[in-house]
Amino acid sequence: MNMELMTEREHSAKIIKNIKDLTNVKDKETSNEEIEYDSLKDEVKDQICSFILYCNHPVTGRFMMSTLQLHKDELLPTVLNKAYEVMKLAPYIPIERCRLVKYDFKYHVMEQSFDLDEFQHQTIGQIVGGARLYYPLGLFIETCESNEFFHKYHDGGINLKISVVDLSTGGKKGPAKPVRVEKGWTVEELKQHIREVIM
């Protein structure tokens, strides 16, 4: 017979050696999987756009902010839908009466409107110039009433602060309000806009 019986001691030693060999192989596999997972996480990080999202709630009027993380290849309608969900605007206002605007949170002014008729086929990465973990701009989800129209905001406008002054006393009536002015406006258009903001 060419089979030999193993003693209990030899059997135990062989099993322990096999277990150690298997553990070493598993450790190497786990280590390789962790490296692949970490590199995948880094790759995904490079494709994420992270914004602070702002909104004036259409019912309470409360100024709200939240974080909005998006893949750079998401189209603007998808981005608007996610922003709408994050701010929990349903059922208070339909998504058709919402749009996204580039928002300057330092001066509290709208910088550029992202209307769907103009930007619907562009990705958020194209609109904001690539994926980053921090942007020096915010996104504002703007709403309007059913009988209102959105104002168009063009990139490159001018930020002003407007104060109302009581002519009889020469004192200000309340704090200055930030106003976004378009470069090509006439004096009459500027006056009209100031009236809308002040009223």
N, C-alpha and C. Protein backbone atom coordinates (compact mmCIF):
# COMPACT_ATOMS: atom_id res chain seq x y z
N MET A 1 0.84 -1.17 0.00
CA MET A 1 0.00 0.00 0.00
C MET A 1 0.88 1.23 0.00
N ASN A 2 0.48 2.14 -0.85
CA ASN A 2 1.30 3.34 -0.91
C ASN A 2 0.71 4.49 -0.09
N MET A 3 -0.30 4.24 0.69
CA MET A 3 -0.87 5.27 1.57
C MET A 3 -0.31 5.10 2.95
N GLU A 4 0.06 6.20 3.55
CA GLU A 4 0.60 6.14 4.90
C GLU A 4 -0.35 6.85 5.84
N LEU A 5 -0.42 6.33 7.01
CA LEU A 5 -1.27 6.96 8.01
C LEU A 5 -0.51 8.11 8.66
N MET A 6 -1.20 9.20 8.90
CA MET A 6 -0.57 10.33 9.57
C MET A 6 -0.87 10.24 11.05
N THR A 7 0.10 10.61 11.81
CA THR A 7 -0.16 10.67 13.25
C THR A 7 -0.96 11.94 13.53
N GLU A 8 -1.55 12.01 14.69
CA GLU A 8 -2.37 13.18 15.05
C GLU A 8 -1.54 14.44 15.05
N ARG A 9 -0.28 14.37 15.54
CA ARG A 9 0.60 15.53 15.60
C ARG A 9 0.92 16.02 14.19
N GLU A 10 1.28 15.10 13.25
CA GLU A 10 1.61 15.49 11.88
C GLU A 10 0.37 16.09 11.20
N HIS A 11 -0.76 15.48 11.46
CA HIS A 11 -2.01 15.95 10.86
C HIS A 11 -2.31 17.39 11.31
N SER A 12 -2.17 17.65 12.60
CA SER A 12 -2.42 18.98 13.15
C SER A 12 -1.45 19.99 12.56
N ALA A 13 -0.18 19.64 12.47
CA ALA A 13 0.82 20.56 11.92
C ALA A 13 0.52 20.89 10.47
N LYS A 14 0.13 19.88 9.70
CA LYS A 14 -0.18 20.09 8.28
C LYS A 14 -1.40 21.01 8.12
N ILE A 15 -2.43 20.79 8.92
CA ILE A 15 -3.63 21.63 8.86
C ILE A 15 -3.30 23.08 9.23
N ILE A 16 -2.51 23.27 10.28
CA ILE A 16 -2.11 24.62 10.70
C ILE A 16 -1.35 25.33 9.60
N LYS A 17 -0.43 24.60 8.93
CA LYS A 17 0.34 25.18 7.83
C LYS A 17 -0.57 25.59 6.68
N ASN A 18 -1.53 24.69 6.34
CA ASN A 18 -2.47 24.99 5.25
C ASN A 18 -3.33 26.22 5.58
N ILE A 19 -3.77 26.32 6.81
CA ILE A 19 -4.58 27.47 7.23
C ILE A 19 -3.77 28.75 7.12
N LYS A 20 -2.51 28.71 7.57
CA LYS A 20 -1.64 29.90 7.47
C LYS A 20 -1.43 30.30 6.02
N ASP A 21 -1.20 29.31 5.16
CA ASP A 21 -1.02 29.61 3.73
C ASP A 21 -2.27 30.25 3.14
N LEU A 22 -3.43 29.69 3.51
CA LEU A 22 -4.70 30.25 3.01
C LEU A 22 -4.91 31.67 3.53
N THR A 23 -4.59 31.92 4.78
CA THR A 23 -4.75 33.25 5.38
C THR A 23 -3.86 34.26 4.66
N ASN A 24 -2.61 33.85 4.36
CA ASN A 24 -1.70 34.77 3.64
C ASN A 24 -2.24 35.12 2.26
N VAL A 25 -2.79 34.12 1.57
CA VAL A 25 -3.36 34.37 0.24
C VAL A 25 -4.55 35.31 0.36
N LYS A 26 -5.43 35.06 1.36
CA LYS A 26 -6.61 35.91 1.57
C LYS A 26 -6.19 37.34 1.90
N ASP A 27 -5.15 37.49 2.76
CA ASP A 27 -4.68 38.83 3.12
C ASP A 27 -4.20 39.59 1.88
N LYS A 28 -3.47 38.89 1.01
CA LYS A 28 -2.98 39.52 -0.22
C LYS A 28 -4.14 39.92 -1.12
N GLU A 29 -5.15 39.03 -1.24
CA GLU A 29 -6.32 39.33 -2.06
C GLU A 29 -7.07 40.53 -1.49
N THR A 30 -7.27 40.54 -0.15
CA THR A 30 -7.98 41.64 0.51
C THR A 30 -7.22 42.94 0.31
N SER A 31 -5.91 42.89 0.45
CA SER A 31 -5.08 44.08 0.26
C SER A 31 -5.22 44.61 -1.17
N ASN A 32 -5.20 43.71 -2.16
CA ASN A 32 -5.37 44.12 -3.55
C ASN A 32 -6.76 44.71 -3.79
N GLU A 33 -7.79 44.09 -3.16
CA GLU A 33 -9.15 44.60 -3.30
C GLU A 33 -9.27 45.99 -2.69
N GLU A 34 -8.62 46.20 -1.52
CA GLU A 34 -8.66 47.52 -0.87
C GLU A 34 -8.00 48.57 -1.74
N ILE A 35 -6.86 48.22 -2.35
CA ILE A 35 -6.17 49.16 -3.23
C ILE A 35 -7.05 49.51 -4.42
N GLU A 36 -7.69 48.49 -5.02
CA GLU A 36 -8.59 48.74 -6.15
C GLU A 36 -9.77 49.61 -5.71
N TYR A 37 -10.33 49.35 -4.53
CA TYR A 37 -11.46 50.11 -4.03
C TYR A 37 -11.06 51.56 -3.77
N ASP A 38 -9.87 51.75 -3.14
CA ASP A 38 -9.39 53.11 -2.87
C ASP A 38 -9.16 53.88 -4.16
N SER A 39 -8.56 53.22 -5.17
CA SER A 39 -8.31 53.92 -6.43
C SER A 39 -9.63 54.22 -7.14
N LEU A 40 -10.62 53.32 -6.98
CA LEU A 40 -11.94 53.57 -7.56
C LEU A 40 -12.59 54.77 -6.87
N LYS A 41 -12.45 54.84 -5.51
CA LYS A 41 -13.00 55.97 -4.78
C LYS A 41 -12.35 57.27 -5.26
N ASP A 42 -11.01 57.26 -5.45
CA ASP A 42 -10.31 58.45 -5.94
C ASP A 42 -10.79 58.84 -7.33
N GLU A 43 -11.01 57.84 -8.18
CA GLU A 43 -11.48 58.10 -9.54
C GLU A 43 -12.88 58.72 -9.51
N VAL A 44 -13.74 58.21 -8.64
CA VAL A 44 -15.10 58.74 -8.52
C VAL A 44 -15.06 60.15 -7.93
N LYS A 45 -14.16 60.40 -6.95
CA LYS A 45 -14.03 61.73 -6.37
C LYS A 45 -13.72 62.76 -7.43
N ASP A 46 -12.92 62.39 -8.41
CA ASP A 46 -12.54 63.32 -9.48
C ASP A 46 -13.71 63.65 -10.40
N GLN A 47 -14.81 62.93 -10.25
CA GLN A 47 -15.96 63.15 -11.14
C GLN A 47 -17.16 63.75 -10.40
N ILE A 48 -16.96 64.13 -9.14
CA ILE A 48 -18.06 64.64 -8.33
C ILE A 48 -18.00 66.17 -8.24
N CYS A 49 -19.14 66.80 -8.44
CA CYS A 49 -19.29 68.24 -8.25
C CYS A 49 -20.07 68.43 -6.95
N SER A 50 -19.51 69.21 -6.04
CA SER A 50 -20.15 69.42 -4.75
C SER A 50 -20.49 70.90 -4.59
N PHE A 51 -21.76 71.20 -4.35
CA PHE A 51 -22.23 72.58 -4.26
C PHE A 51 -22.97 72.81 -2.95
N ILE A 52 -23.00 74.07 -2.53
CA ILE A 52 -23.96 74.49 -1.52
C ILE A 52 -25.18 74.95 -2.29
N LEU A 53 -26.32 74.40 -1.95
CA LEU A 53 -27.58 74.71 -2.62
C LEU A 53 -28.41 75.61 -1.71
N TYR A 54 -28.94 76.68 -2.27
CA TYR A 54 -29.73 77.66 -1.52
C TYR A 54 -31.14 77.73 -2.08
N CYS A 55 -32.06 78.19 -1.23
CA CYS A 55 -33.45 78.34 -1.69
C CYS A 55 -34.22 79.17 -0.67
N ASN A 56 -35.13 80.01 -1.15
CA ASN A 56 -36.14 80.63 -0.28
C ASN A 56 -37.37 79.76 -0.38
N HIS A 57 -37.77 79.18 0.73
CA HIS A 57 -38.91 78.27 0.68
C HIS A 57 -40.15 79.02 0.21
N PRO A 58 -40.87 78.47 -0.79
CA PRO A 58 -42.01 79.19 -1.37
C PRO A 58 -43.19 79.38 -0.43
N VAL A 59 -43.28 78.61 0.65
CA VAL A 59 -44.40 78.75 1.59
C VAL A 59 -43.98 79.55 2.82
N THR A 60 -42.89 79.13 3.45
CA THR A 60 -42.46 79.78 4.70
C THR A 60 -41.62 81.03 4.43
N GLY A 61 -41.01 81.13 3.24
CA GLY A 61 -40.12 82.25 2.94
C GLY A 61 -38.76 82.10 3.61
N ARG A 62 -38.56 81.00 4.32
CA ARG A 62 -37.33 80.78 5.05
C ARG A 62 -36.17 80.51 4.08
N PHE A 63 -35.02 81.13 4.34
CA PHE A 63 -33.82 80.92 3.53
C PHE A 63 -33.19 79.61 3.97
N MET A 64 -33.04 78.68 3.03
CA MET A 64 -32.52 77.35 3.36
C MET A 64 -31.24 77.08 2.57
N MET A 65 -30.41 76.23 3.14
CA MET A 65 -29.22 75.79 2.41
C MET A 65 -28.96 74.32 2.71
N SER A 66 -28.35 73.65 1.74
CA SER A 66 -28.05 72.23 1.87
C SER A 66 -26.87 71.92 0.95
N THR A 67 -26.36 70.70 1.04
CA THR A 67 -25.28 70.28 0.16
C THR A 67 -25.87 69.46 -0.98
N LEU A 68 -25.34 69.69 -2.18
CA LEU A 68 -25.79 68.96 -3.35
C LEU A 68 -24.57 68.37 -4.04
N GLN A 69 -24.48 67.03 -4.08
CA GLN A 69 -23.37 66.36 -4.76
C GLN A 69 -23.88 65.67 -6.00
N LEU A 70 -23.16 65.90 -7.10
CA LEU A 70 -23.60 65.43 -8.41
C LEU A 70 -22.44 64.84 -9.17
N HIS A 71 -22.74 63.92 -10.06
CA HIS A 71 -21.73 63.46 -11.00
C HIS A 71 -21.59 64.51 -12.09
N LYS A 72 -20.38 64.77 -12.52
CA LYS A 72 -20.12 65.85 -13.48
C LYS A 72 -20.85 65.67 -14.81
N ASP A 73 -21.25 64.44 -15.14
CA ASP A 73 -21.90 64.17 -16.42
C ASP A 73 -23.43 64.21 -16.36
N GLU A 74 -23.99 64.65 -15.23
CA GLU A 74 -25.45 64.72 -15.13
C GLU A 74 -25.95 65.95 -15.88
N LEU A 75 -27.00 65.76 -16.66
CA LEU A 75 -27.58 66.85 -17.44
C LEU A 75 -28.37 67.79 -16.52
N LEU A 76 -28.51 69.04 -16.95
CA LEU A 76 -29.15 70.06 -16.12
C LEU A 76 -30.56 69.67 -15.65
N PRO A 77 -31.43 69.06 -16.49
CA PRO A 77 -32.75 68.67 -15.96
C PRO A 77 -32.66 67.70 -14.79
N THR A 78 -31.70 66.78 -14.82
CA THR A 78 -31.49 65.84 -13.72
C THR A 78 -31.00 66.58 -12.48
N VAL A 79 -30.11 67.53 -12.68
CA VAL A 79 -29.57 68.33 -11.57
C VAL A 79 -30.71 69.12 -10.91
N LEU A 80 -31.56 69.73 -11.72
CA LEU A 80 -32.70 70.48 -11.18
C LEU A 80 -33.62 69.56 -10.39
N ASN A 81 -33.87 68.37 -10.90
CA ASN A 81 -34.72 67.41 -10.21
C ASN A 81 -34.13 67.03 -8.85
N LYS A 82 -32.81 66.79 -8.80
CA LYS A 82 -32.17 66.44 -7.53
C LYS A 82 -32.22 67.61 -6.55
N ALA A 83 -31.98 68.83 -7.04
CA ALA A 83 -32.05 70.01 -6.18
C ALA A 83 -33.46 70.18 -5.62
N TYR A 84 -34.45 69.95 -6.45
CA TYR A 84 -35.87 70.03 -6.06
C TYR A 84 -36.16 69.04 -4.94
N GLU A 85 -35.63 67.83 -5.06
CA GLU A 85 -35.83 66.80 -4.03
C GLU A 85 -35.09 67.14 -2.75
N VAL A 86 -33.84 67.62 -2.87
CA VAL A 86 -33.05 67.96 -1.69
C VAL A 86 -33.74 69.05 -0.86
N MET A 87 -34.31 70.05 -1.54
CA MET A 87 -34.98 71.14 -0.83
C MET A 87 -36.43 70.81 -0.45
N LYS A 88 -36.89 69.61 -0.82
CA LYS A 88 -38.24 69.14 -0.44
C LYS A 88 -39.32 70.18 -0.81
N LEU A 89 -39.30 70.60 -2.07
CA LEU A 89 -40.25 71.63 -2.53
C LEU A 89 -41.61 71.05 -2.92
N ALA A 90 -41.67 69.75 -3.19
CA ALA A 90 -42.96 69.13 -3.48
C ALA A 90 -43.69 68.92 -2.16
N PRO A 91 -44.96 69.11 -2.08
CA PRO A 91 -45.95 69.46 -3.10
C PRO A 91 -46.23 70.96 -3.15
N TYR A 92 -45.35 71.78 -2.55
CA TYR A 92 -45.63 73.21 -2.41
C TYR A 92 -45.57 73.97 -3.73
N ILE A 93 -44.69 73.53 -4.61
CA ILE A 93 -44.55 74.23 -5.89
C ILE A 93 -44.12 73.20 -6.94
N PRO A 94 -44.70 73.22 -8.13
CA PRO A 94 -44.29 72.24 -9.15
C PRO A 94 -42.89 72.54 -9.68
N ILE A 95 -42.20 71.51 -10.09
CA ILE A 95 -40.83 71.67 -10.58
C ILE A 95 -40.77 72.55 -11.83
N GLU A 96 -41.87 72.62 -12.55
CA GLU A 96 -41.92 73.46 -13.77
C GLU A 96 -41.76 74.94 -13.43
N ARG A 97 -41.99 75.32 -12.17
CA ARG A 97 -41.83 76.71 -11.76
C ARG A 97 -40.56 76.91 -10.94
N CYS A 98 -39.56 76.07 -11.23
CA CYS A 98 -38.26 76.15 -10.56
C CYS A 98 -37.15 76.18 -11.60
N ARG A 99 -36.06 76.82 -11.26
CA ARG A 99 -34.87 76.78 -12.11
C ARG A 99 -33.64 76.97 -11.23
N LEU A 100 -32.49 76.63 -11.78
CA LEU A 100 -31.23 76.80 -11.06
C LEU A 100 -30.54 78.07 -11.52
N VAL A 101 -29.88 78.72 -10.57
CA VAL A 101 -29.16 79.96 -10.84
C VAL A 101 -27.81 79.88 -10.14
N LYS A 102 -26.78 80.38 -10.82
CA LYS A 102 -25.47 80.51 -10.16
C LYS A 102 -25.60 81.65 -9.16
N TYR A 103 -25.20 81.39 -7.91
CA TYR A 103 -25.48 82.30 -6.81
C TYR A 103 -24.19 82.71 -6.12
N ASP A 104 -24.01 84.02 -5.94
CA ASP A 104 -22.86 84.55 -5.21
C ASP A 104 -23.28 84.70 -3.75
N PHE A 105 -22.86 83.73 -2.91
CA PHE A 105 -23.32 83.73 -1.52
C PHE A 105 -22.64 84.80 -0.69
N LYS A 106 -21.50 85.33 -1.16
CA LYS A 106 -20.83 86.40 -0.41
C LYS A 106 -21.63 87.70 -0.48
N TYR A 107 -22.13 88.02 -1.69
CA TYR A 107 -22.89 89.26 -1.88
C TYR A 107 -24.40 89.02 -1.95
N HIS A 108 -24.82 87.77 -1.88
CA HIS A 108 -26.25 87.42 -1.90
C HIS A 108 -26.94 87.91 -3.18
N VAL A 109 -26.31 87.64 -4.32
CA VAL A 109 -26.90 88.04 -5.60
C VAL A 109 -26.87 86.88 -6.59
N MET A 110 -27.83 86.91 -7.50
CA MET A 110 -27.89 85.93 -8.58
C MET A 110 -26.87 86.32 -9.65
N GLU A 111 -26.06 85.36 -10.08
CA GLU A 111 -25.01 85.63 -11.06
C GLU A 111 -25.42 85.30 -12.49
N GLN A 112 -25.97 84.10 -12.67
CA GLN A 112 -26.33 83.65 -14.01
C GLN A 112 -27.45 82.62 -13.91
N SER A 113 -28.47 82.79 -14.75
CA SER A 113 -29.57 81.83 -14.73
C SER A 113 -29.28 80.68 -15.68
N PHE A 114 -29.62 79.48 -15.25
CA PHE A 114 -29.45 78.27 -16.06
C PHE A 114 -30.83 77.79 -16.51
N ASP A 115 -31.37 78.48 -17.50
CA ASP A 115 -32.71 78.13 -17.99
C ASP A 115 -32.64 76.85 -18.82
N LEU A 116 -33.63 75.99 -18.64
CA LEU A 116 -33.63 74.69 -19.32
C LEU A 116 -33.67 74.83 -20.84
N ASP A 117 -34.36 75.85 -21.35
CA ASP A 117 -34.41 75.98 -22.81
C ASP A 117 -33.04 76.26 -23.42
N GLU A 118 -32.13 76.81 -22.63
CA GLU A 118 -30.79 77.11 -23.12
C GLU A 118 -29.75 76.06 -22.71
N PHE A 119 -29.87 75.48 -21.52
CA PHE A 119 -28.84 74.62 -20.96
C PHE A 119 -29.24 73.15 -20.81
N GLN A 120 -30.41 72.74 -21.29
CA GLN A 120 -30.91 71.40 -20.99
C GLN A 120 -30.01 70.27 -21.51
N HIS A 121 -29.24 70.50 -22.56
CA HIS A 121 -28.39 69.45 -23.12
C HIS A 121 -26.96 69.50 -22.59
N GLN A 122 -26.71 70.39 -21.63
CA GLN A 122 -25.36 70.49 -21.06
C GLN A 122 -25.30 69.79 -19.72
N THR A 123 -24.11 69.23 -19.44
CA THR A 123 -23.90 68.59 -18.14
C THR A 123 -23.50 69.65 -17.13
N ILE A 124 -23.63 69.32 -15.87
CA ILE A 124 -23.24 70.26 -14.82
C ILE A 124 -21.74 70.53 -14.89
N GLY A 125 -20.96 69.52 -15.29
CA GLY A 125 -19.51 69.72 -15.45
C GLY A 125 -19.20 70.73 -16.54
N GLN A 126 -19.94 70.69 -17.63
CA GLN A 126 -19.74 71.66 -18.71
C GLN A 126 -20.16 73.06 -18.27
N ILE A 127 -21.23 73.14 -17.54
CA ILE A 127 -21.77 74.44 -17.13
C ILE A 127 -20.83 75.15 -16.16
N VAL A 128 -20.27 74.40 -15.21
CA VAL A 128 -19.43 75.04 -14.18
C VAL A 128 -17.93 74.87 -14.42
N GLY A 129 -17.56 74.24 -15.53
CA GLY A 129 -16.14 74.15 -15.87
C GLY A 129 -15.39 72.99 -15.22
N GLY A 130 -16.05 71.85 -15.04
CA GLY A 130 -15.37 70.66 -14.53
C GLY A 130 -15.75 70.33 -13.10
N ALA A 131 -15.29 69.15 -12.67
CA ALA A 131 -15.63 68.65 -11.33
C ALA A 131 -14.62 69.16 -10.31
N ARG A 132 -15.15 69.62 -9.19
CA ARG A 132 -14.33 70.06 -8.05
C ARG A 132 -15.07 69.74 -6.77
N LEU A 133 -14.31 69.64 -5.68
CA LEU A 133 -14.96 69.43 -4.38
C LEU A 133 -15.44 70.74 -3.80
N TYR A 134 -14.91 71.87 -4.27
CA TYR A 134 -15.34 73.17 -3.76
C TYR A 134 -15.45 74.15 -4.92
N TYR A 135 -16.53 74.90 -4.97
CA TYR A 135 -16.72 75.93 -5.98
C TYR A 135 -16.88 77.27 -5.29
N PRO A 136 -16.32 78.33 -5.86
CA PRO A 136 -16.52 79.66 -5.27
C PRO A 136 -17.89 80.23 -5.63
N LEU A 137 -18.84 79.38 -5.90
CA LEU A 137 -20.19 79.79 -6.24
C LEU A 137 -21.15 78.78 -5.64
N GLY A 138 -22.37 79.20 -5.48
CA GLY A 138 -23.40 78.29 -5.03
C GLY A 138 -24.44 78.12 -6.12
N LEU A 139 -25.34 77.21 -5.90
CA LEU A 139 -26.50 77.06 -6.78
C LEU A 139 -27.73 77.45 -5.98
N PHE A 140 -28.59 78.21 -6.61
CA PHE A 140 -29.82 78.67 -5.97
C PHE A 140 -30.98 78.09 -6.76
N ILE A 141 -31.92 77.43 -6.09
CA ILE A 141 -33.11 76.97 -6.79
C ILE A 141 -34.16 78.07 -6.63
N GLU A 142 -34.40 78.76 -7.73
CA GLU A 142 -35.30 79.91 -7.74
C GLU A 142 -36.70 79.43 -8.12
N THR A 143 -37.70 80.03 -7.51
CA THR A 143 -39.09 79.66 -7.80
C THR A 143 -39.86 80.91 -8.25
N CYS A 144 -40.96 80.68 -8.94
CA CYS A 144 -41.82 81.81 -9.32
C CYS A 144 -43.28 81.38 -9.23
N GLU A 145 -44.14 82.36 -9.12
CA GLU A 145 -45.58 82.09 -9.09
C GLU A 145 -46.06 81.74 -10.50
N SER A 146 -47.25 81.18 -10.59
CA SER A 146 -47.77 80.74 -11.90
C SER A 146 -47.97 81.91 -12.86
N ASN A 147 -48.20 83.12 -12.35
CA ASN A 147 -48.42 84.29 -13.21
C ASN A 147 -47.15 85.13 -13.40
N GLU A 148 -46.00 84.64 -12.91
CA GLU A 148 -44.73 85.37 -13.01
C GLU A 148 -43.81 84.73 -14.04
N PHE A 149 -42.82 85.51 -14.44
CA PHE A 149 -41.77 85.01 -15.32
C PHE A 149 -40.43 85.21 -14.62
N PHE A 150 -39.49 84.33 -14.92
CA PHE A 150 -38.15 84.46 -14.36
C PHE A 150 -37.40 85.60 -15.04
N HIS A 151 -36.63 86.37 -14.25
CA HIS A 151 -35.70 87.35 -14.82
C HIS A 151 -34.49 86.60 -15.36
N LYS A 152 -33.93 87.09 -16.42
CA LYS A 152 -32.73 86.48 -17.00
C LYS A 152 -31.51 87.11 -16.35
N TYR A 153 -30.60 86.29 -15.85
CA TYR A 153 -29.35 86.78 -15.27
C TYR A 153 -28.21 86.33 -16.18
N HIS A 154 -27.42 87.30 -16.63
CA HIS A 154 -26.30 86.99 -17.52
C HIS A 154 -25.00 87.03 -16.73
N ASP A 155 -24.10 86.09 -17.04
CA ASP A 155 -22.80 86.07 -16.40
C ASP A 155 -22.05 87.35 -16.75
N GLY A 156 -21.38 87.94 -15.78
CA GLY A 156 -20.61 89.14 -16.04
C GLY A 156 -21.35 90.42 -15.70
N GLY A 157 -22.46 90.33 -14.97
CA GLY A 157 -23.18 91.53 -14.56
C GLY A 157 -22.44 92.27 -13.45
N ILE A 158 -23.07 93.30 -12.95
CA ILE A 158 -22.45 94.16 -11.93
C ILE A 158 -23.26 94.06 -10.64
N ASN A 159 -22.56 93.95 -9.51
CA ASN A 159 -23.21 93.89 -8.21
C ASN A 159 -23.22 95.28 -7.58
N LEU A 160 -24.41 95.74 -7.18
CA LEU A 160 -24.54 97.04 -6.51
C LEU A 160 -25.24 96.83 -5.18
N LYS A 161 -25.12 97.83 -4.30
CA LYS A 161 -25.92 97.87 -3.08
C LYS A 161 -26.76 99.13 -3.16
N ILE A 162 -28.07 98.98 -3.01
CA ILE A 162 -29.00 100.08 -3.13
C ILE A 162 -29.58 100.42 -1.76
N SER A 163 -29.54 101.69 -1.40
CA SER A 163 -30.14 102.15 -0.15
C SER A 163 -31.25 103.14 -0.47
N VAL A 164 -32.31 103.08 0.31
CA VAL A 164 -33.39 104.06 0.21
C VAL A 164 -33.11 105.14 1.25
N VAL A 165 -33.15 106.40 0.80
CA VAL A 165 -32.84 107.52 1.69
C VAL A 165 -34.09 108.38 1.86
N ASP A 166 -34.36 108.75 3.09
CA ASP A 166 -35.45 109.68 3.40
C ASP A 166 -34.94 111.09 3.09
N LEU A 167 -35.51 111.74 2.08
CA LEU A 167 -35.03 113.05 1.65
C LEU A 167 -35.23 114.13 2.70
N SER A 168 -36.23 113.98 3.55
CA SER A 168 -36.47 115.01 4.56
C SER A 168 -35.42 114.97 5.68
N THR A 169 -34.94 113.77 6.02
CA THR A 169 -33.96 113.66 7.10
C THR A 169 -32.55 113.35 6.59
N GLY A 170 -32.46 112.82 5.38
CA GLY A 170 -31.15 112.44 4.83
C GLY A 170 -30.67 111.10 5.35
N GLY A 171 -31.47 110.42 6.16
CA GLY A 171 -31.08 109.13 6.73
C GLY A 171 -31.59 107.97 5.88
N LYS A 172 -30.93 106.84 6.05
CA LYS A 172 -31.32 105.64 5.31
C LYS A 172 -32.55 105.00 5.94
N LYS A 173 -33.39 104.44 5.07
CA LYS A 173 -34.56 103.69 5.53
C LYS A 173 -34.23 102.20 5.45
N GLY A 174 -33.58 101.68 6.44
CA GLY A 174 -33.23 100.27 6.45
C GLY A 174 -31.88 99.99 5.82
N PRO A 175 -31.45 98.74 5.87
CA PRO A 175 -30.13 98.37 5.34
C PRO A 175 -30.10 98.38 3.81
N ALA A 176 -28.89 98.50 3.27
CA ALA A 176 -28.70 98.46 1.82
C ALA A 176 -29.04 97.07 1.31
N LYS A 177 -29.61 97.01 0.09
CA LYS A 177 -29.98 95.73 -0.51
C LYS A 177 -29.06 95.44 -1.68
N PRO A 178 -28.57 94.19 -1.78
CA PRO A 178 -27.74 93.84 -2.94
C PRO A 178 -28.60 93.73 -4.20
N VAL A 179 -28.08 94.23 -5.31
CA VAL A 179 -28.81 94.23 -6.57
C VAL A 179 -27.86 93.81 -7.68
N ARG A 180 -28.34 92.96 -8.55
CA ARG A 180 -27.57 92.52 -9.72
C ARG A 180 -28.02 93.34 -10.93
N VAL A 181 -27.06 93.97 -11.59
CA VAL A 181 -27.35 94.84 -12.72
C VAL A 181 -26.65 94.30 -13.95
N GLU A 182 -27.35 94.26 -15.07
CA GLU A 182 -26.74 93.81 -16.33
C GLU A 182 -25.99 94.96 -16.99
N LYS A 183 -24.87 94.62 -17.62
CA LYS A 183 -24.01 95.66 -18.21
C LYS A 183 -24.70 96.48 -19.29
N GLY A 184 -25.56 95.88 -20.08
CA GLY A 184 -26.17 96.57 -21.22
C GLY A 184 -27.45 97.32 -20.90
N TRP A 185 -27.85 97.40 -19.65
CA TRP A 185 -29.11 98.05 -19.30
C TRP A 185 -29.05 99.56 -19.52
N THR A 186 -30.19 100.10 -19.90
CA THR A 186 -30.33 101.56 -19.97
C THR A 186 -30.63 102.07 -18.56
N VAL A 187 -30.58 103.41 -18.39
CA VAL A 187 -30.89 104.00 -17.09
C VAL A 187 -32.34 103.68 -16.71
N GLU A 188 -33.24 103.69 -17.68
CA GLU A 188 -34.65 103.38 -17.40
C GLU A 188 -34.81 101.94 -16.92
N GLU A 189 -34.11 101.00 -17.55
CA GLU A 189 -34.17 99.60 -17.11
C GLU A 189 -33.62 99.45 -15.70
N LEU A 190 -32.55 100.18 -15.40
CA LEU A 190 -31.97 100.14 -14.05
C LEU A 190 -32.97 100.68 -13.03
N LYS A 191 -33.61 101.80 -13.33
CA LYS A 191 -34.61 102.37 -12.42
C LYS A 191 -35.74 101.40 -12.18
N GLN A 192 -36.22 100.77 -13.25
CA GLN A 192 -37.32 99.80 -13.12
C GLN A 192 -36.92 98.64 -12.22
N HIS A 193 -35.72 98.15 -12.40
CA HIS A 193 -35.24 97.02 -11.59
C HIS A 193 -35.11 97.43 -10.12
N ILE A 194 -34.60 98.63 -9.88
CA ILE A 194 -34.46 99.11 -8.50
C ILE A 194 -35.84 99.23 -7.86
N ARG A 195 -36.82 99.72 -8.61
CA ARG A 195 -38.19 99.81 -8.08
C ARG A 195 -38.70 98.43 -7.67
N GLU A 196 -38.45 97.43 -8.51
CA GLU A 196 -38.91 96.06 -8.22
C GLU A 196 -38.24 95.51 -6.96
N VAL A 197 -36.95 95.80 -6.81
CA VAL A 197 -36.21 95.27 -5.66
C VAL A 197 -36.64 95.97 -4.37
N ILE A 198 -36.83 97.28 -4.44
CA ILE A 198 -37.15 98.07 -3.24
C ILE A 198 -38.58 97.85 -2.78
N MET A 199 -39.51 97.68 -3.72
CA MET A 199 -40.93 97.56 -3.36
C MET A 199 -41.21 96.28 -2.62
